[in-house]
């Protein structure tokens, strides 16, 4: 899951037009660049907790802009390091330590949480920049199972927006179900450009 989610995030970031980094996103208070910085910090944290380096200094909910000239190249380097960290976890490990404030998680849940974070922010970036890059069904299916675990509700008070109800009760695709569970409208479209969008705290994670 982690590798596929990372590939999705890489693809979304590669597809961002040069003039779209300041565009609004489904995370209503954050621009595309802010979402990317948040996602970057989250992924670094997952890797750091595996290697024992601890949590990154910057708050992912108030992330410092650490990208310089080439966000695509810099993100690739970060995700390569995170993937390498996951490769050190024994496949028969029962639990894994994560940056989530819920204690150690079963290995499949911890890896799934890392993948979920990368995938949903990839979707945020893709839809915010008008890319035809939907959340793959092959990724949405296992991530929906991960999102159904108790940890998401434990974090909802500060990390996830409320569940978005399905229109007319229709469940939609598994990708739709996952996005709504994480507080997103699967039909979200960018509003009119707002070049003066302030940098404020996001309302989805």
N, C-alpha and C. Protein backbone atom coordinates (compact mmCIF):
# COMPACT_ATOMS: atom_id res chain seq x y z
N UNK A 1 0.82 -1.21 0.00
CA UNK A 1 0.00 0.00 0.00
C UNK A 1 0.85 1.26 0.00
N UNK A 2 1.91 1.25 0.82
CA UNK A 2 2.72 2.46 0.95
C UNK A 2 3.35 2.83 -0.38
N UNK A 3 3.90 1.86 -1.08
CA UNK A 3 4.54 2.16 -2.36
C UNK A 3 3.54 2.70 -3.38
N UNK A 4 2.35 2.11 -3.42
CA UNK A 4 1.34 2.57 -4.38
C UNK A 4 0.86 3.98 -4.02
N UNK A 5 0.67 4.24 -2.73
CA UNK A 5 0.24 5.57 -2.31
C UNK A 5 1.32 6.61 -2.61
N UNK A 6 2.57 6.25 -2.38
CA UNK A 6 3.67 7.15 -2.71
C UNK A 6 3.70 7.44 -4.21
N UNK A 7 3.47 6.42 -5.02
CA UNK A 7 3.46 6.63 -6.47
C UNK A 7 2.34 7.59 -6.87
N UNK A 8 1.20 7.47 -6.22
CA UNK A 8 0.07 8.36 -6.49
C UNK A 8 0.41 9.79 -6.09
N UNK A 9 1.04 9.96 -4.93
CA UNK A 9 1.43 11.30 -4.48
C UNK A 9 2.47 11.90 -5.42
N UNK A 10 3.44 11.11 -5.81
CA UNK A 10 4.46 11.61 -6.75
C UNK A 10 3.81 12.07 -8.05
N UNK A 11 2.87 11.28 -8.57
CA UNK A 11 2.21 11.64 -9.83
C UNK A 11 1.43 12.93 -9.70
N UNK A 12 0.73 13.10 -8.58
CA UNK A 12 -0.05 14.32 -8.38
C UNK A 12 0.85 15.55 -8.30
N UNK A 13 1.97 15.43 -7.62
CA UNK A 13 2.88 16.57 -7.47
C UNK A 13 3.57 16.88 -8.79
N UNK A 14 3.91 15.84 -9.55
CA UNK A 14 4.52 16.09 -10.88
C UNK A 14 3.56 16.84 -11.79
N UNK A 15 2.26 16.64 -11.59
CA UNK A 15 1.28 17.25 -12.49
C UNK A 15 0.85 18.65 -12.11
N UNK A 16 1.40 19.22 -11.03
CA UNK A 16 1.00 20.57 -10.61
C UNK A 16 1.59 21.61 -11.56
N UNK A 17 0.75 22.41 -12.22
CA UNK A 17 1.27 23.49 -13.07
C UNK A 17 2.07 24.50 -12.24
N UNK A 18 3.02 25.13 -12.88
CA UNK A 18 3.91 26.05 -12.16
C UNK A 18 3.16 27.18 -11.47
N UNK A 19 2.00 27.57 -12.05
CA UNK A 19 1.26 28.70 -11.48
C UNK A 19 0.14 28.27 -10.54
N UNK A 20 0.12 26.98 -10.13
CA UNK A 20 -1.01 26.46 -9.35
C UNK A 20 -0.66 26.17 -7.90
N UNK A 21 0.55 26.46 -7.46
CA UNK A 21 0.93 26.13 -6.09
C UNK A 21 0.13 26.91 -5.06
N UNK A 22 -0.39 28.06 -5.42
CA UNK A 22 -1.18 28.86 -4.49
C UNK A 22 -2.67 28.61 -4.59
N UNK A 23 -3.08 27.62 -5.36
CA UNK A 23 -4.50 27.35 -5.56
C UNK A 23 -5.14 26.77 -4.30
N UNK A 24 -6.43 27.07 -4.07
CA UNK A 24 -7.14 26.48 -2.93
C UNK A 24 -7.36 24.99 -3.12
N UNK A 25 -7.60 24.28 -2.03
CA UNK A 25 -7.72 22.83 -2.04
C UNK A 25 -8.95 22.40 -1.24
N UNK A 26 -9.28 21.11 -1.25
CA UNK A 26 -10.37 20.63 -0.39
C UNK A 26 -10.12 20.87 1.09
N UNK A 27 -8.86 21.02 1.50
CA UNK A 27 -8.53 21.44 2.86
C UNK A 27 -8.69 22.95 2.88
N UNK A 28 -9.84 23.41 3.28
CA UNK A 28 -10.35 24.73 2.92
C UNK A 28 -9.47 25.90 3.32
N UNK A 29 -8.58 25.73 4.27
CA UNK A 29 -7.74 26.84 4.69
C UNK A 29 -6.34 26.79 4.10
N UNK A 30 -6.07 25.79 3.26
CA UNK A 30 -4.70 25.59 2.79
C UNK A 30 -4.61 25.59 1.27
N UNK A 31 -3.48 26.10 0.79
CA UNK A 31 -3.17 26.08 -0.64
C UNK A 31 -2.54 24.73 -1.00
N UNK A 32 -2.33 24.54 -2.30
CA UNK A 32 -1.68 23.31 -2.77
C UNK A 32 -0.30 23.15 -2.13
N UNK A 33 0.46 24.21 -2.09
CA UNK A 33 1.81 24.11 -1.52
C UNK A 33 1.76 23.79 -0.03
N UNK A 34 0.80 24.34 0.68
CA UNK A 34 0.66 24.03 2.10
C UNK A 34 0.28 22.57 2.33
N UNK A 35 -0.63 22.05 1.50
CA UNK A 35 -1.00 20.64 1.62
C UNK A 35 0.22 19.76 1.36
N UNK A 36 1.02 20.12 0.35
CA UNK A 36 2.21 19.33 0.07
C UNK A 36 3.19 19.36 1.24
N UNK A 37 3.38 20.52 1.84
CA UNK A 37 4.28 20.60 2.98
C UNK A 37 3.75 19.78 4.16
N UNK A 38 2.44 19.81 4.37
CA UNK A 38 1.82 18.99 5.41
C UNK A 38 2.06 17.50 5.12
N UNK A 39 1.81 17.08 3.88
CA UNK A 39 1.98 15.68 3.51
C UNK A 39 3.43 15.26 3.64
N UNK A 40 4.34 16.15 3.26
CA UNK A 40 5.76 15.86 3.38
C UNK A 40 6.15 15.60 4.84
N UNK A 41 5.66 16.45 5.74
CA UNK A 41 5.98 16.28 7.16
C UNK A 41 5.38 14.99 7.72
N UNK A 42 4.16 14.70 7.32
CA UNK A 42 3.52 13.46 7.79
C UNK A 42 4.34 12.25 7.38
N UNK A 43 4.76 12.21 6.12
CA UNK A 43 5.54 11.07 5.65
C UNK A 43 6.89 10.99 6.35
N UNK A 44 7.54 12.13 6.52
CA UNK A 44 8.80 12.13 7.25
C UNK A 44 8.61 11.59 8.67
N UNK A 45 7.50 11.93 9.29
CA UNK A 45 7.24 11.47 10.66
C UNK A 45 7.09 9.95 10.70
N UNK A 46 6.36 9.37 9.75
CA UNK A 46 6.22 7.91 9.73
C UNK A 46 7.58 7.25 9.60
N UNK A 47 8.42 7.76 8.70
CA UNK A 47 9.75 7.19 8.54
C UNK A 47 10.60 7.37 9.78
N UNK A 48 10.54 8.55 10.38
CA UNK A 48 11.37 8.85 11.54
C UNK A 48 10.99 8.00 12.75
N UNK A 49 9.70 7.69 12.92
CA UNK A 49 9.30 6.86 14.06
C UNK A 49 9.78 5.43 13.87
N UNK A 50 9.91 4.98 12.64
CA UNK A 50 10.44 3.64 12.39
C UNK A 50 11.93 3.59 12.69
N UNK A 51 12.66 4.59 12.26
CA UNK A 51 14.11 4.60 12.43
C UNK A 51 14.54 5.05 13.82
N UNK A 52 13.60 5.58 14.59
CA UNK A 52 13.92 6.03 15.94
C UNK A 52 14.39 7.46 16.01
N UNK A 53 14.25 8.21 14.93
CA UNK A 53 14.70 9.60 14.92
C UNK A 53 13.70 10.53 15.60
N UNK A 54 12.47 10.08 15.80
CA UNK A 54 11.47 10.91 16.46
C UNK A 54 10.74 11.82 15.49
N UNK A 55 9.85 12.60 16.03
CA UNK A 55 8.97 13.46 15.24
C UNK A 55 9.75 14.65 14.65
N UNK A 56 9.49 15.02 13.38
CA UNK A 56 10.12 16.22 12.82
C UNK A 56 9.79 17.45 13.65
N UNK A 57 10.69 18.43 13.63
CA UNK A 57 10.51 19.61 14.48
C UNK A 57 9.30 20.44 14.08
N UNK A 58 9.02 20.55 12.80
CA UNK A 58 7.92 21.39 12.34
C UNK A 58 6.57 20.71 12.60
N UNK A 59 5.59 21.48 13.02
CA UNK A 59 4.23 20.99 13.26
C UNK A 59 3.55 20.77 11.91
N UNK A 60 3.08 19.54 11.62
CA UNK A 60 2.44 19.30 10.33
C UNK A 60 1.16 20.10 10.12
N UNK A 61 0.56 20.59 11.22
CA UNK A 61 -0.64 21.40 11.08
C UNK A 61 -0.31 22.89 10.97
N UNK A 62 0.95 23.22 11.17
CA UNK A 62 1.45 24.57 10.91
C UNK A 62 2.81 24.40 10.22
N UNK A 63 2.83 23.75 9.07
CA UNK A 63 4.10 23.31 8.49
C UNK A 63 4.94 24.45 7.91
N UNK A 64 6.24 24.35 8.18
CA UNK A 64 7.17 25.28 7.53
C UNK A 64 7.30 24.88 6.07
N UNK A 65 7.51 25.86 5.21
CA UNK A 65 7.71 25.60 3.79
C UNK A 65 9.17 25.19 3.58
N UNK A 66 9.40 23.90 3.46
CA UNK A 66 10.77 23.39 3.37
C UNK A 66 11.20 23.11 1.93
N UNK A 67 10.30 23.30 0.98
CA UNK A 67 10.66 23.04 -0.40
C UNK A 67 11.35 24.25 -1.01
N UNK A 68 12.31 23.98 -1.87
CA UNK A 68 13.07 25.06 -2.48
C UNK A 68 12.78 25.13 -3.97
N UNK A 69 13.76 24.86 -4.81
CA UNK A 69 13.60 25.09 -6.25
C UNK A 69 12.78 24.01 -6.95
N UNK A 70 12.85 22.77 -6.46
CA UNK A 70 12.25 21.66 -7.19
C UNK A 70 11.47 20.76 -6.23
N UNK A 71 10.20 21.09 -5.94
CA UNK A 71 9.41 20.26 -5.02
C UNK A 71 9.30 18.81 -5.46
N UNK A 72 9.24 18.56 -6.76
CA UNK A 72 9.10 17.18 -7.25
C UNK A 72 10.32 16.36 -6.85
N UNK A 73 11.51 16.86 -7.13
CA UNK A 73 12.74 16.15 -6.81
C UNK A 73 12.90 15.99 -5.31
N UNK A 74 12.59 17.04 -4.57
CA UNK A 74 12.75 16.98 -3.12
C UNK A 74 11.77 15.99 -2.49
N UNK A 75 10.53 15.97 -3.00
CA UNK A 75 9.56 14.99 -2.50
C UNK A 75 10.01 13.57 -2.82
N UNK A 76 10.53 13.35 -4.02
CA UNK A 76 11.03 12.02 -4.38
C UNK A 76 12.07 11.55 -3.38
N UNK A 77 12.98 12.42 -3.01
CA UNK A 77 14.05 12.05 -2.07
C UNK A 77 13.46 11.70 -0.70
N UNK A 78 12.48 12.47 -0.26
CA UNK A 78 11.84 12.20 1.03
C UNK A 78 11.13 10.86 1.01
N UNK A 79 10.33 10.62 -0.03
CA UNK A 79 9.57 9.37 -0.10
C UNK A 79 10.48 8.16 -0.25
N UNK A 80 11.60 8.34 -0.95
CA UNK A 80 12.57 7.24 -1.04
C UNK A 80 13.08 6.86 0.35
N UNK A 81 13.36 7.86 1.19
CA UNK A 81 13.86 7.58 2.54
C UNK A 81 12.77 6.91 3.40
N UNK A 82 11.53 7.37 3.24
CA UNK A 82 10.43 6.78 4.02
C UNK A 82 10.20 5.33 3.59
N UNK A 83 10.23 5.09 2.29
CA UNK A 83 10.07 3.72 1.79
C UNK A 83 11.18 2.81 2.32
N UNK A 84 12.40 3.34 2.34
CA UNK A 84 13.53 2.56 2.86
C UNK A 84 13.32 2.23 4.33
N UNK A 85 12.76 3.17 5.08
CA UNK A 85 12.48 2.91 6.51
C UNK A 85 11.48 1.78 6.66
N UNK A 86 10.42 1.78 5.87
CA UNK A 86 9.43 0.71 5.95
C UNK A 86 10.04 -0.64 5.60
N UNK A 87 11.03 -0.65 4.71
CA UNK A 87 11.67 -1.91 4.32
C UNK A 87 12.42 -2.56 5.48
N UNK A 88 12.73 -1.78 6.50
CA UNK A 88 13.46 -2.34 7.65
C UNK A 88 12.52 -3.00 8.66
N UNK A 89 11.22 -2.82 8.50
CA UNK A 89 10.27 -3.41 9.45
C UNK A 89 10.05 -4.87 9.07
N UNK A 90 10.30 -5.80 9.97
CA UNK A 90 10.09 -7.23 9.65
C UNK A 90 8.65 -7.49 9.22
N UNK A 91 8.48 -8.31 8.22
CA UNK A 91 7.13 -8.59 7.71
C UNK A 91 6.28 -9.34 8.73
N UNK A 92 6.94 -9.98 9.71
CA UNK A 92 6.16 -10.70 10.73
C UNK A 92 6.00 -9.89 12.02
N UNK A 93 6.36 -8.60 11.96
CA UNK A 93 6.17 -7.75 13.14
C UNK A 93 4.68 -7.63 13.45
N UNK A 94 4.35 -7.72 14.73
CA UNK A 94 2.94 -7.62 15.12
C UNK A 94 2.47 -6.18 15.13
N UNK A 95 3.33 -5.27 15.59
CA UNK A 95 2.94 -3.87 15.68
C UNK A 95 4.05 -2.98 15.14
N UNK A 96 3.71 -1.72 14.92
CA UNK A 96 4.68 -0.73 14.48
C UNK A 96 4.36 0.59 15.18
N UNK A 97 5.41 1.33 15.53
CA UNK A 97 5.23 2.64 16.14
C UNK A 97 5.02 3.68 15.06
N UNK A 98 4.05 4.54 15.24
CA UNK A 98 3.74 5.59 14.25
C UNK A 98 3.65 6.93 14.98
N UNK A 99 3.60 8.03 14.23
CA UNK A 99 3.43 9.34 14.88
C UNK A 99 2.02 9.59 15.38
N UNK A 100 1.10 8.69 15.14
CA UNK A 100 -0.27 8.87 15.59
C UNK A 100 -0.35 8.72 17.11
N UNK A 101 -1.12 9.58 17.79
CA UNK A 101 -1.19 9.54 19.26
C UNK A 101 -2.14 8.47 19.77
N UNK A 102 -1.99 7.27 19.24
CA UNK A 102 -2.88 6.18 19.65
C UNK A 102 -2.09 4.94 20.07
N UNK A 103 -0.77 5.09 20.23
CA UNK A 103 0.04 3.95 20.62
C UNK A 103 0.41 3.09 19.42
N UNK A 104 1.20 2.04 19.63
CA UNK A 104 1.58 1.15 18.53
C UNK A 104 0.34 0.55 17.86
N UNK A 105 0.43 0.36 16.57
CA UNK A 105 -0.68 -0.19 15.80
C UNK A 105 -0.27 -1.51 15.16
N UNK A 106 -1.23 -2.39 14.87
CA UNK A 106 -0.90 -3.57 14.07
C UNK A 106 -0.17 -3.14 12.80
N UNK A 107 0.77 -3.93 12.35
CA UNK A 107 1.61 -3.53 11.22
C UNK A 107 0.79 -3.11 10.01
N UNK A 108 -0.25 -3.87 9.66
CA UNK A 108 -1.01 -3.54 8.46
C UNK A 108 -1.77 -2.23 8.63
N UNK A 109 -2.18 -1.92 9.87
CA UNK A 109 -2.89 -0.67 10.11
C UNK A 109 -1.91 0.50 10.07
N UNK A 110 -0.74 0.35 10.68
CA UNK A 110 0.24 1.41 10.67
C UNK A 110 0.71 1.75 9.27
N UNK A 111 1.01 0.71 8.48
CA UNK A 111 1.42 0.94 7.10
C UNK A 111 0.26 1.54 6.31
N UNK A 112 -0.94 1.07 6.59
CA UNK A 112 -2.11 1.61 5.89
C UNK A 112 -2.37 3.06 6.23
N UNK A 113 -2.13 3.44 7.49
CA UNK A 113 -2.31 4.83 7.89
C UNK A 113 -1.34 5.74 7.15
N UNK A 114 -0.11 5.29 7.01
CA UNK A 114 0.90 6.04 6.25
C UNK A 114 0.47 6.18 4.80
N UNK A 115 0.00 5.07 4.22
CA UNK A 115 -0.44 5.09 2.82
C UNK A 115 -1.67 5.97 2.64
N UNK A 116 -2.60 5.88 3.60
CA UNK A 116 -3.82 6.68 3.51
C UNK A 116 -3.49 8.17 3.50
N UNK A 117 -2.58 8.58 4.35
CA UNK A 117 -2.21 9.99 4.43
C UNK A 117 -1.64 10.47 3.10
N UNK A 118 -0.75 9.68 2.52
CA UNK A 118 -0.15 10.07 1.24
C UNK A 118 -1.21 10.10 0.14
N UNK A 119 -2.09 9.11 0.12
CA UNK A 119 -3.06 9.00 -0.96
C UNK A 119 -4.10 10.11 -0.93
N UNK A 120 -4.63 10.40 0.26
CA UNK A 120 -5.69 11.40 0.33
C UNK A 120 -5.15 12.79 0.01
N UNK A 121 -3.91 13.07 0.39
CA UNK A 121 -3.35 14.37 0.06
C UNK A 121 -2.95 14.44 -1.42
N UNK A 122 -2.61 13.30 -2.00
CA UNK A 122 -2.41 13.27 -3.44
C UNK A 122 -3.70 13.65 -4.16
N UNK A 123 -4.81 13.10 -3.66
CA UNK A 123 -6.12 13.45 -4.26
C UNK A 123 -6.42 14.93 -4.06
N UNK A 124 -6.15 15.46 -2.87
CA UNK A 124 -6.35 16.89 -2.63
C UNK A 124 -5.62 17.72 -3.67
N UNK A 125 -4.36 17.39 -3.90
CA UNK A 125 -3.54 18.16 -4.83
C UNK A 125 -4.02 17.99 -6.26
N UNK A 126 -4.38 16.76 -6.62
CA UNK A 126 -4.82 16.49 -7.99
C UNK A 126 -6.09 17.26 -8.33
N UNK A 127 -7.11 17.19 -7.47
CA UNK A 127 -8.37 17.87 -7.79
C UNK A 127 -8.21 19.37 -7.71
N UNK A 128 -7.34 19.85 -6.81
CA UNK A 128 -7.13 21.29 -6.68
C UNK A 128 -6.48 21.89 -7.91
N UNK A 129 -5.74 21.07 -8.65
CA UNK A 129 -5.03 21.57 -9.83
C UNK A 129 -5.60 21.04 -11.14
N UNK A 130 -6.83 20.52 -11.08
CA UNK A 130 -7.54 20.14 -12.29
C UNK A 130 -6.98 18.93 -13.00
N UNK A 131 -6.30 18.05 -12.30
CA UNK A 131 -5.73 16.87 -12.93
C UNK A 131 -6.76 15.74 -13.01
N UNK A 132 -6.70 14.99 -14.09
CA UNK A 132 -7.54 13.80 -14.22
C UNK A 132 -6.77 12.64 -13.60
N UNK A 133 -6.78 12.60 -12.27
CA UNK A 133 -5.97 11.64 -11.54
C UNK A 133 -6.77 11.14 -10.34
N UNK A 134 -7.83 10.37 -10.59
CA UNK A 134 -8.67 9.92 -9.48
C UNK A 134 -7.94 8.95 -8.56
N UNK A 135 -8.43 8.84 -7.36
CA UNK A 135 -7.89 7.89 -6.40
C UNK A 135 -8.14 6.48 -6.94
N UNK A 136 -7.09 5.70 -7.19
CA UNK A 136 -7.27 4.38 -7.81
C UNK A 136 -8.12 3.43 -6.95
N UNK A 137 -8.99 2.68 -7.60
CA UNK A 137 -9.82 1.73 -6.87
C UNK A 137 -8.97 0.69 -6.15
N UNK A 138 -7.85 0.29 -6.77
CA UNK A 138 -6.98 -0.72 -6.16
C UNK A 138 -6.33 -0.22 -4.88
N UNK A 139 -6.27 1.08 -4.71
CA UNK A 139 -5.74 1.67 -3.49
C UNK A 139 -6.86 2.01 -2.51
N UNK A 140 -7.98 2.48 -3.04
CA UNK A 140 -9.10 2.86 -2.18
C UNK A 140 -9.65 1.67 -1.39
N UNK A 141 -9.69 0.51 -2.01
CA UNK A 141 -10.28 -0.65 -1.33
C UNK A 141 -9.56 -1.02 -0.04
N UNK A 142 -8.24 -1.24 -0.06
CA UNK A 142 -7.58 -1.56 1.22
C UNK A 142 -7.55 -0.38 2.18
N UNK A 143 -7.48 0.84 1.65
CA UNK A 143 -7.44 2.00 2.54
C UNK A 143 -8.77 2.22 3.24
N UNK A 144 -9.86 1.82 2.61
CA UNK A 144 -11.16 1.94 3.25
C UNK A 144 -11.23 1.03 4.48
N UNK A 145 -10.61 -0.14 4.37
CA UNK A 145 -10.55 -1.04 5.53
C UNK A 145 -9.71 -0.43 6.64
N UNK A 146 -8.61 0.21 6.28
CA UNK A 146 -7.76 0.87 7.27
C UNK A 146 -8.52 2.01 7.95
N UNK A 147 -9.23 2.79 7.15
CA UNK A 147 -9.97 3.94 7.68
C UNK A 147 -11.11 3.51 8.59
N UNK A 148 -11.55 2.27 8.45
CA UNK A 148 -12.62 1.77 9.30
C UNK A 148 -12.17 1.34 10.68
N UNK A 149 -10.84 1.33 10.90
CA UNK A 149 -10.31 0.96 12.21
C UNK A 149 -10.53 2.10 13.21
N UNK A 150 -10.53 1.81 14.50
CA UNK A 150 -10.87 2.82 15.52
C UNK A 150 -9.97 4.06 15.52
N UNK A 151 -8.74 3.97 15.02
CA UNK A 151 -7.82 5.10 15.13
C UNK A 151 -8.34 6.35 14.43
N UNK A 152 -9.11 6.19 13.35
CA UNK A 152 -9.59 7.39 12.65
C UNK A 152 -10.56 8.18 13.51
N UNK A 153 -11.42 7.49 14.23
CA UNK A 153 -12.37 8.19 15.10
C UNK A 153 -11.66 8.81 16.30
N UNK A 154 -10.60 8.18 16.76
CA UNK A 154 -9.84 8.75 17.87
C UNK A 154 -9.17 10.07 17.46
N UNK A 155 -8.87 10.21 16.18
CA UNK A 155 -8.21 11.42 15.69
C UNK A 155 -9.16 12.45 15.10
N UNK A 156 -10.43 12.09 14.94
CA UNK A 156 -11.34 12.97 14.20
C UNK A 156 -11.50 14.34 14.86
N UNK A 157 -11.40 14.40 16.16
CA UNK A 157 -11.62 15.68 16.84
C UNK A 157 -10.63 16.76 16.41
N UNK A 158 -9.42 16.35 15.99
CA UNK A 158 -8.44 17.38 15.63
C UNK A 158 -7.80 17.16 14.26
N UNK A 159 -7.96 15.97 13.69
CA UNK A 159 -7.25 15.69 12.44
C UNK A 159 -8.15 15.52 11.23
N UNK A 160 -9.36 15.08 11.43
CA UNK A 160 -10.27 14.83 10.31
C UNK A 160 -11.54 15.65 10.45
N UNK A 161 -12.01 16.16 9.33
CA UNK A 161 -13.30 16.84 9.31
C UNK A 161 -14.42 15.82 9.49
N UNK A 162 -15.64 16.26 9.83
CA UNK A 162 -16.75 15.31 9.97
C UNK A 162 -17.01 14.52 8.69
N UNK A 163 -17.55 13.33 8.87
CA UNK A 163 -17.91 12.50 7.72
C UNK A 163 -18.91 13.25 6.84
N UNK A 164 -18.72 13.19 5.54
CA UNK A 164 -19.63 13.83 4.59
C UNK A 164 -20.68 12.80 4.17
N UNK A 165 -21.94 13.12 4.37
CA UNK A 165 -23.02 12.19 4.04
C UNK A 165 -23.09 11.97 2.54
N UNK A 166 -23.43 10.74 2.17
CA UNK A 166 -23.60 10.42 0.75
C UNK A 166 -24.92 10.99 0.26
N UNK A 167 -24.94 11.56 -0.94
CA UNK A 167 -26.19 12.10 -1.46
C UNK A 167 -27.22 10.99 -1.69
N UNK A 168 -28.42 11.19 -1.18
CA UNK A 168 -29.51 10.21 -1.32
C UNK A 168 -29.15 8.85 -0.76
N UNK A 169 -28.15 8.80 0.10
CA UNK A 169 -27.76 7.54 0.70
C UNK A 169 -27.00 6.61 -0.21
N UNK A 170 -26.68 7.04 -1.43
CA UNK A 170 -25.96 6.19 -2.38
C UNK A 170 -24.49 6.10 -1.95
N UNK A 171 -23.96 4.89 -1.74
CA UNK A 171 -22.60 4.76 -1.22
C UNK A 171 -21.53 5.22 -2.20
N UNK A 172 -21.78 5.08 -3.49
CA UNK A 172 -20.78 5.45 -4.47
C UNK A 172 -19.64 4.45 -4.52
N UNK A 173 -18.55 4.82 -5.15
CA UNK A 173 -17.39 3.94 -5.25
C UNK A 173 -16.67 3.85 -3.91
N UNK A 174 -15.75 2.90 -3.82
CA UNK A 174 -14.96 2.79 -2.59
C UNK A 174 -14.11 4.03 -2.38
N UNK A 175 -13.64 4.63 -3.48
CA UNK A 175 -12.89 5.88 -3.35
C UNK A 175 -13.79 6.98 -2.78
N UNK A 176 -15.03 7.06 -3.27
CA UNK A 176 -15.98 8.05 -2.75
C UNK A 176 -16.22 7.83 -1.25
N UNK A 177 -16.41 6.56 -0.88
CA UNK A 177 -16.67 6.25 0.53
C UNK A 177 -15.48 6.65 1.40
N UNK A 178 -14.27 6.38 0.92
CA UNK A 178 -13.09 6.73 1.68
C UNK A 178 -12.97 8.25 1.85
N UNK A 179 -13.15 8.97 0.76
CA UNK A 179 -13.03 10.43 0.82
C UNK A 179 -14.07 11.04 1.76
N UNK A 180 -15.31 10.56 1.69
CA UNK A 180 -16.35 11.09 2.58
C UNK A 180 -16.04 10.76 4.04
N UNK A 181 -15.51 9.55 4.28
CA UNK A 181 -15.16 9.16 5.65
C UNK A 181 -14.10 10.10 6.22
N UNK A 182 -13.24 10.61 5.35
CA UNK A 182 -12.17 11.52 5.78
C UNK A 182 -12.57 12.98 5.65
N UNK A 183 -13.86 13.25 5.51
CA UNK A 183 -14.35 14.62 5.54
C UNK A 183 -14.27 15.37 4.24
N UNK A 184 -14.22 14.65 3.13
CA UNK A 184 -14.09 15.29 1.83
C UNK A 184 -15.30 15.01 0.96
N UNK A 185 -15.62 15.96 0.10
CA UNK A 185 -16.68 15.79 -0.89
C UNK A 185 -16.04 15.26 -2.17
N UNK A 186 -16.36 14.01 -2.58
CA UNK A 186 -15.73 13.45 -3.77
C UNK A 186 -15.96 14.29 -5.03
N UNK A 187 -17.01 15.12 -5.03
CA UNK A 187 -17.29 15.96 -6.19
C UNK A 187 -16.70 17.35 -6.09
N UNK A 188 -15.78 17.56 -5.15
CA UNK A 188 -15.20 18.89 -4.95
C UNK A 188 -14.55 19.41 -6.22
N UNK A 189 -14.74 20.69 -6.49
CA UNK A 189 -14.09 21.35 -7.63
C UNK A 189 -13.52 22.67 -7.15
N UNK A 190 -12.43 23.13 -7.77
CA UNK A 190 -11.82 24.39 -7.32
C UNK A 190 -12.77 25.57 -7.47
N UNK A 191 -12.81 26.45 -6.48
CA UNK A 191 -13.60 27.68 -6.60
C UNK A 191 -12.85 28.67 -7.49
N UNK A 192 -13.41 29.84 -7.62
CA UNK A 192 -12.73 30.89 -8.39
C UNK A 192 -11.38 31.18 -7.76
N UNK A 193 -10.37 31.52 -8.55
CA UNK A 193 -9.02 31.78 -8.00
C UNK A 193 -9.05 32.82 -6.89
N UNK A 194 -8.25 32.58 -5.85
CA UNK A 194 -8.13 33.52 -4.72
C UNK A 194 -6.64 33.74 -4.43
N UNK A 195 -6.01 34.63 -5.16
CA UNK A 195 -4.57 34.84 -4.97
C UNK A 195 -4.21 35.35 -3.59
N UNK A 196 -5.19 35.88 -2.87
CA UNK A 196 -4.91 36.42 -1.53
C UNK A 196 -5.27 35.43 -0.43
N UNK A 197 -5.43 34.14 -0.77
CA UNK A 197 -5.81 33.13 0.23
C UNK A 197 -4.82 33.15 1.38
N UNK A 198 -5.29 33.42 2.60
CA UNK A 198 -4.36 33.50 3.74
C UNK A 198 -3.88 32.13 4.16
N UNK A 199 -2.75 32.09 4.84
CA UNK A 199 -2.21 30.85 5.35
C UNK A 199 -2.76 30.64 6.75
N UNK A 200 -3.79 29.78 6.83
CA UNK A 200 -4.44 29.52 8.12
C UNK A 200 -4.50 28.02 8.35
N UNK A 201 -4.96 27.66 9.53
CA UNK A 201 -5.03 26.25 9.89
C UNK A 201 -6.02 25.52 9.01
N UNK A 202 -5.64 24.31 8.58
CA UNK A 202 -6.48 23.53 7.70
C UNK A 202 -7.65 22.91 8.47
N UNK A 203 -8.68 22.45 7.74
CA UNK A 203 -9.82 21.83 8.39
C UNK A 203 -9.98 20.38 7.97
N UNK A 204 -9.01 19.81 7.31
CA UNK A 204 -9.04 18.38 7.04
C UNK A 204 -7.60 17.90 7.04
N UNK A 205 -7.41 16.60 7.31
CA UNK A 205 -6.06 16.08 7.39
C UNK A 205 -5.95 14.77 6.66
